[in-house]
C-alpha atoms as a PDB file:
ATOM      1  CA  MET A   1       1.329 -27.100   3.499  1.00  0.00           C
ATOM      2  CA  HIS A   2       0.788 -23.362   2.898  1.00  0.00           C
ATOM      3  CA  ASP A   3       3.182 -22.501   5.719  1.00  0.00           C
ATOM      4  CA  VAL A   4       5.927 -24.624   4.119  1.00  0.00           C
ATOM      5  CA  ALA A   5       5.335 -23.006   0.715  1.00  0.00           C
ATOM      6  CA  MET A   6       5.544 -19.564   2.297  1.00  0.00           C
ATOM      7  CA  ARG A   7       8.815 -20.357   4.058  1.00  0.00           C
ATOM      8  CA  GLU A   8      10.320 -21.850   0.887  1.00  0.00           C
ATOM      9  CA  SER A   9       9.379 -18.818  -1.217  1.00  0.00           C
ATOM     10  CA  LEU A  10      10.901 -16.496   1.396  1.00  0.00           C
ATOM     11  CA  GLU A  11      14.079 -18.596   1.479  1.00  0.00           C
ATOM     12  CA  ARG A  12      14.401 -18.444  -2.327  1.00  0.00           C
ATOM     13  CA  LEU A  13      14.024 -14.671  -2.234  1.00  0.00           C
ATOM     14  CA  ALA A  14      16.534 -14.343   0.632  1.00  0.00           C
ATOM     15  CA  GLU A  15      19.172 -16.246  -1.374  1.00  0.00           C
ATOM     16  CA  HIS A  16      19.866 -13.038  -3.322  1.00  0.00           C
ATOM     17  CA  ASP A  17      21.172  -9.829  -1.793  1.00  0.00           C
ATOM     18  CA  GLY A  18      18.338  -7.664  -3.152  1.00  0.00           C
ATOM     19  CA  GLY A  19      15.672 -10.073  -1.974  1.00  0.00           C
ATOM     20  CA  ARG A  20      17.261 -10.318   1.445  1.00  0.00           C
ATOM     21  CA  ARG A  21      17.381  -6.521   1.647  1.00  0.00           C
ATOM     22  CA  LEU A  22      13.644  -6.346   0.875  1.00  0.00           C
ATOM     23  CA  LEU A  23      12.864  -8.837   3.631  1.00  0.00           C
ATOM     24  CA  GLN A  24      15.015  -6.943   6.133  1.00  0.00           C
ATOM     25  CA  LEU A  25      13.266  -3.659   5.335  1.00  0.00           C
ATOM     26  CA  ALA A  26       9.855  -5.312   5.567  1.00  0.00           C
ATOM     27  CA  LEU A  27      10.640  -6.866   8.935  1.00  0.00           C
ATOM     28  CA  ARG A  28      11.747  -3.525  10.386  1.00  0.00           C
ATOM     29  CA  SER A  29       8.558  -1.858   9.142  1.00  0.00           C
ATOM     30  CA  ILE A  30       6.303  -4.600  10.482  1.00  0.00           C
ATOM     31  CA  GLU A  31       8.034  -4.490  13.850  1.00  0.00           C
ATOM     32  CA  ARG A  32       7.681  -0.690  13.951  1.00  0.00           C
ATOM     33  CA  GLY A  33       3.913  -1.175  13.649  1.00  0.00           C
ATOM     34  CA  ASP A  34       2.980   2.038  11.855  1.00  0.00           C
ATOM     35  CA  HIS A  35       0.840   0.200   9.286  1.00  0.00           C
ATOM     36  CA  GLU A  36      -1.321  -2.896   9.318  1.00  0.00           C
ATOM     37  CA  LEU A  37      -0.100  -5.986   7.472  1.00  0.00           C
ATOM     38  CA  VAL A  38      -2.333  -7.468   4.802  1.00  0.00           C
ATOM     39  CA  SER A  39      -1.822 -10.504   2.606  1.00  0.00           C
ATOM     40  CA  GLY A  40      -0.547 -10.202  -0.960  1.00  0.00           C
ATOM     41  CA  CYS A  41      -2.173  -6.986  -2.156  1.00  0.00           C
ATOM     42  CA  TRP A  42      -0.213  -3.758  -2.245  1.00  0.00           C
ATOM     43  CA  THR A  43      -2.105  -1.298  -0.064  1.00  0.00           C
ATOM     44  CA  ARG A  44      -5.422  -0.494   1.457  1.00  0.00           C
ATOM     45  CA  LYS A  45      -5.660   3.310   1.216  1.00  0.00           C
ATOM     46  CA  GLY A  46      -2.129   3.716   2.564  1.00  0.00           C
ATOM     47  CA  ASP A  47      -2.900   2.433   6.058  1.00  0.00           C
ATOM     48  CA  ALA A  48      -2.082  -1.209   5.377  1.00  0.00           C
ATOM     49  CA  GLY A  49       0.138  -3.071   2.996  1.00  0.00           C
ATOM     50  CA  CYS A  50       1.707  -6.348   2.025  1.00  0.00           C
ATOM     51  CA  LEU A  51       5.231  -7.404   2.858  1.00  0.00           C
ATOM     52  CA  PHE A  52       6.730  -5.444  -0.033  1.00  0.00           C
ATOM     53  CA  GLN A  53       4.693  -2.309   0.643  1.00  0.00           C
ATOM     54  CA  HIS A  54       6.197  -2.465   4.137  1.00  0.00           C
ATOM     55  CA  ALA A  55       9.685  -2.723   2.602  1.00  0.00           C
ATOM     56  CA  TYR A  56       8.935   0.397   0.564  1.00  0.00           C
ATOM     57  CA  TRP A  57       7.645   2.363   3.565  1.00  0.00           C
ATOM     58  CA  GLN A  58      10.726   1.389   5.577  1.00  0.00           C
ATOM     59  CA  GLY A  59      13.026   2.380   2.731  1.00  0.00           C
ATOM     60  CA  VAL A  60      11.356   5.794   2.618  1.00  0.00           C
ATOM     61  CA  GLU A  61      11.608   6.093   6.415  1.00  0.00           C
ATOM     62  CA  GLU A  62      15.335   5.283   6.335  1.00  0.00           C
ATOM     63  CA  GLY A  63      15.961   7.678   3.445  1.00  0.00           C
ATOM     64  CA  VAL A  64      17.093   4.881   1.150  1.00  0.00           C
ATOM     65  CA  PHE A  65      14.963   6.433  -1.602  1.00  0.00           C
ATOM     66  CA  ALA A  66      12.394   9.181  -2.133  1.00  0.00           C
ATOM     67  CA  ASP A  67       8.687   8.652  -1.571  1.00  0.00           C
ATOM     68  CA  ASP A  68       7.732   8.898  -5.227  1.00  0.00           C
ATOM     69  CA  GLY A  69       4.793   6.468  -4.998  1.00  0.00           C
ATOM     70  CA  ARG A  70       6.549   3.929  -7.200  1.00  0.00           C
ATOM     71  CA  ALA A  71       6.741   1.072  -4.708  1.00  0.00           C
ATOM     72  CA  ARG A  72       6.416  -1.650  -7.321  1.00  0.00           C
ATOM     73  CA  ALA A  73       9.207  -0.216  -9.459  1.00  0.00           C
ATOM     74  CA  TRP A  74      11.446   0.114  -6.413  1.00  0.00           C
ATOM     75  CA  VAL A  75      10.762  -3.442  -5.223  1.00  0.00           C
ATOM     76  CA  THR A  76      11.554  -4.772  -8.680  1.00  0.00           C
ATOM     77  CA  GLY A  77      14.700  -2.643  -8.834  1.00  0.00           C
ATOM     78  CA  VAL A  78      15.972  -3.914  -5.475  1.00  0.00           C
ATOM     79  CA  ALA A  79      15.064  -7.526  -6.181  1.00  0.00           C
ATOM     80  CA  GLY A  80      16.761  -7.354  -9.590  1.00  0.00           C
ATOM     81  CA  PRO A  81      15.827  -9.217 -12.768  1.00  0.00           C
ATOM     82  CA  GLN A  82      16.430 -12.603 -11.148  1.00  0.00           C
ATOM     83  CA  GLY A  83      14.402 -11.672  -8.082  1.00  0.00           C
ATOM     84  CA  TYR A  84      11.279 -10.341  -9.771  1.00  0.00           C
ATOM     85  CA  HIS A  85       9.651 -13.769 -10.109  1.00  0.00           C
ATOM     86  CA  ARG A  86      10.705 -14.662  -6.582  1.00  0.00           C
ATOM     87  CA  VAL A  87       8.850 -11.573  -5.317  1.00  0.00           C
ATOM     88  CA  ILE A  88       5.762 -12.651  -7.265  1.00  0.00           C
ATOM     89  CA  ASP A  89       6.073 -16.158  -5.768  1.00  0.00           C
ATOM     90  CA  VAL A  90       6.217 -14.695  -2.243  1.00  0.00           C
ATOM     91  CA  ILE A  91       3.117 -12.570  -2.906  1.00  0.00           C
ATOM     92  CA  ALA A  92       1.217 -15.631  -4.174  1.00  0.00           C
ATOM     93  CA  ALA A  93       2.366 -17.734  -1.202  1.00  0.00           C
ATOM     94  CA  PHE A  94       1.270 -14.959   1.172  1.00  0.00           C
ATOM     95  CA  ASP A  95      -2.177 -14.922  -0.414  1.00  0.00           C
ATOM     96  CA  ARG A  96      -2.594 -18.683  -0.153  1.00  0.00           C
ATOM     97  CA  LEU A  97      -1.437 -18.836   3.476  1.00  0.00           C
ATOM     98  CA  ALA A  98      -3.548 -15.852   4.527  1.00  0.00           C
ATOM     99  CA  ARG A  99      -6.703 -17.217   2.899  1.00  0.00           C
ATOM    100  CA  ALA A 100      -6.178 -20.756   4.179  1.00  0.00           C
ATOM    101  CA  GLU A 101      -5.220 -20.092   7.797  1.00  0.00           C
ATOM    102  CA  TYR A 102      -5.762 -16.464   8.843  1.00  0.00           C
ATOM    103  CA  ALA A 103      -8.931 -15.291   7.098  1.00  0.00           C
ATOM    104  CA  VAL A 104     -11.805 -14.431   9.400  1.00  0.00           C
ATOM    105  CA  GLU A 105     -13.984 -13.270   6.515  1.00  0.00           C
ATOM    106  CA  GLN A 106     -13.636 -14.211   2.862  1.00  0.00           C
ATOM    107  CA  ARG A 107     -14.583 -11.518   0.373  1.00  0.00           C
ATOM    108  CA  ARG A 108     -15.844 -11.956  -3.134  1.00  0.00           C
ATOM    109  CA  PHE A 109     -13.354  -9.389  -4.435  1.00  0.00           C
ATOM    110  CA  GLY A 110     -10.059  -8.362  -2.899  1.00  0.00           C
ATOM    111  CA  PRO A 111      -8.092  -9.810  -0.039  1.00  0.00           C
ATOM    112  CA  PRO A 112      -9.782 -11.526   2.895  1.00  0.00           C
ATOM    113  CA  GLU A 113     -10.259  -9.830   6.237  1.00  0.00           C
ATOM    114  CA  LEU A 114      -7.527 -11.346   8.411  1.00  0.00           C
ATOM    115  CA  ASP A 115      -6.982 -12.117  12.053  1.00  0.00           C
ATOM    116  CA  ARG A 116      -4.451  -9.303  11.962  1.00  0.00           C
ATOM    117  CA  GLU A 117      -2.615 -10.008  15.191  1.00  0.00           C
ATOM    118  CA  ARG A 118      -2.059 -13.708  14.433  1.00  0.00           C
ATOM    119  CA  TRP A 119      -1.107 -12.854  10.831  1.00  0.00           C
ATOM    120  CA  ARG A 120       1.431 -10.228  11.925  1.00  0.00           C
ATOM    121  CA  GLN A 121       2.929 -12.637  14.473  1.00  0.00           C
ATOM    122  CA  ARG A 122       3.258 -15.453  11.924  1.00  0.00           C
ATOM    123  CA  VAL A 123       4.784 -13.273   9.221  1.00  0.00           C
ATOM    124  CA  THR A 124       7.237 -11.739  11.690  1.00  0.00           C
ATOM    125  CA  SER A 125       8.182 -15.201  12.915  1.00  0.00           C
ATOM    126  CA  LEU A 126       8.751 -16.486   9.374  1.00  0.00           C
ATOM    127  CA  LEU A 127      10.901 -13.475   8.487  1.00  0.00           C
ATOM    128  CA  VAL A 128      13.034 -13.832  11.610  1.00  0.00           C
ATOM    129  CA  GLU A 129      13.505 -17.550  10.922  1.00  0.00           C
ATOM    130  CA  VAL A 130      14.452 -17.041   7.275  1.00  0.00           C
ATOM    131  CA  LEU A 131      16.719 -14.055   7.887  1.00  0.00           C
ATOM    132  CA  GLY A 132      18.380 -15.757  10.831  1.00  0.00           C
ATOM    133  CA  ALA A 133      19.214 -18.950   8.935  1.00  0.00           C
ATOM    134  CA  GLY A 134      22.950 -18.171   8.721  1.00  0.00           C
ATOM    135  CA  GLY A 135      24.080 -21.751   8.021  1.00  0.00           C
ATOM    136  CA  ASP A 136      21.608 -22.120   5.185  1.00  0.00           C
ATOM    137  CA  ARG A 137      22.815 -18.854   3.658  1.00  0.00           C
ATOM    138  CA  ALA A 138      26.423 -20.046   3.707  1.00  0.00           C
ATOM    139  CA  ARG A 139      25.437 -23.078   1.646  1.00  0.00           C
ATOM    140  CA  THR A 140      23.670 -20.874  -0.920  1.00  0.00           C
ATOM    141  CA  GLY A 141      26.658 -18.568  -1.279  1.00  0.00           C
ATOM    142  CA  ALA A 142      24.684 -15.464  -0.280  1.00  0.00           C
ATOM    143  CA  ARG A 143      26.793 -12.753   1.345  1.00  0.00           C
ATOM    144  CA  THR A 144      24.627 -10.051   2.946  1.00  0.00           C
ATOM    145  CA  PRO A 145      24.626 -10.210   6.762  1.00  0.00           C
ATOM    146  CA  VAL A 146      21.386  -9.850   8.682  1.00  0.00           C
ATOM    147  CA  THR A 147      20.885  -6.219   9.672  1.00  0.00           C
ATOM    148  CA  ALA A 148      17.288  -6.415  10.844  1.00  0.00           C
END
């Protein structure tokens, strides 16, 4: 159930060029492995971040934009006005999936402690599946090719 919701929220985000770009950047960052992957929160003291924090780090690494510490503003800018709510939906779906299936310790406040390796593998797998769904993208009218 949570896995399906996560995939659907990623697919809705990937329907738009800006959302697809965010997912591509995030996938490259996650695969690089410089930072841990957490659920839906933004960062944990700069050493771990959510999907969109990874997109920001990758964008900085590639020189797409300056490291001005404004990750949220950049994500919103790339996603565009139509994509903002889709980004929020992905963050919420990430939280639900992480808590339901990958938490090894629930915390009273903040994100759960995750089985990090399984979580990273699942998120990477979902991103590859969504970004590689060329036939589905043709039906949605989206134009950006996969560059991840």
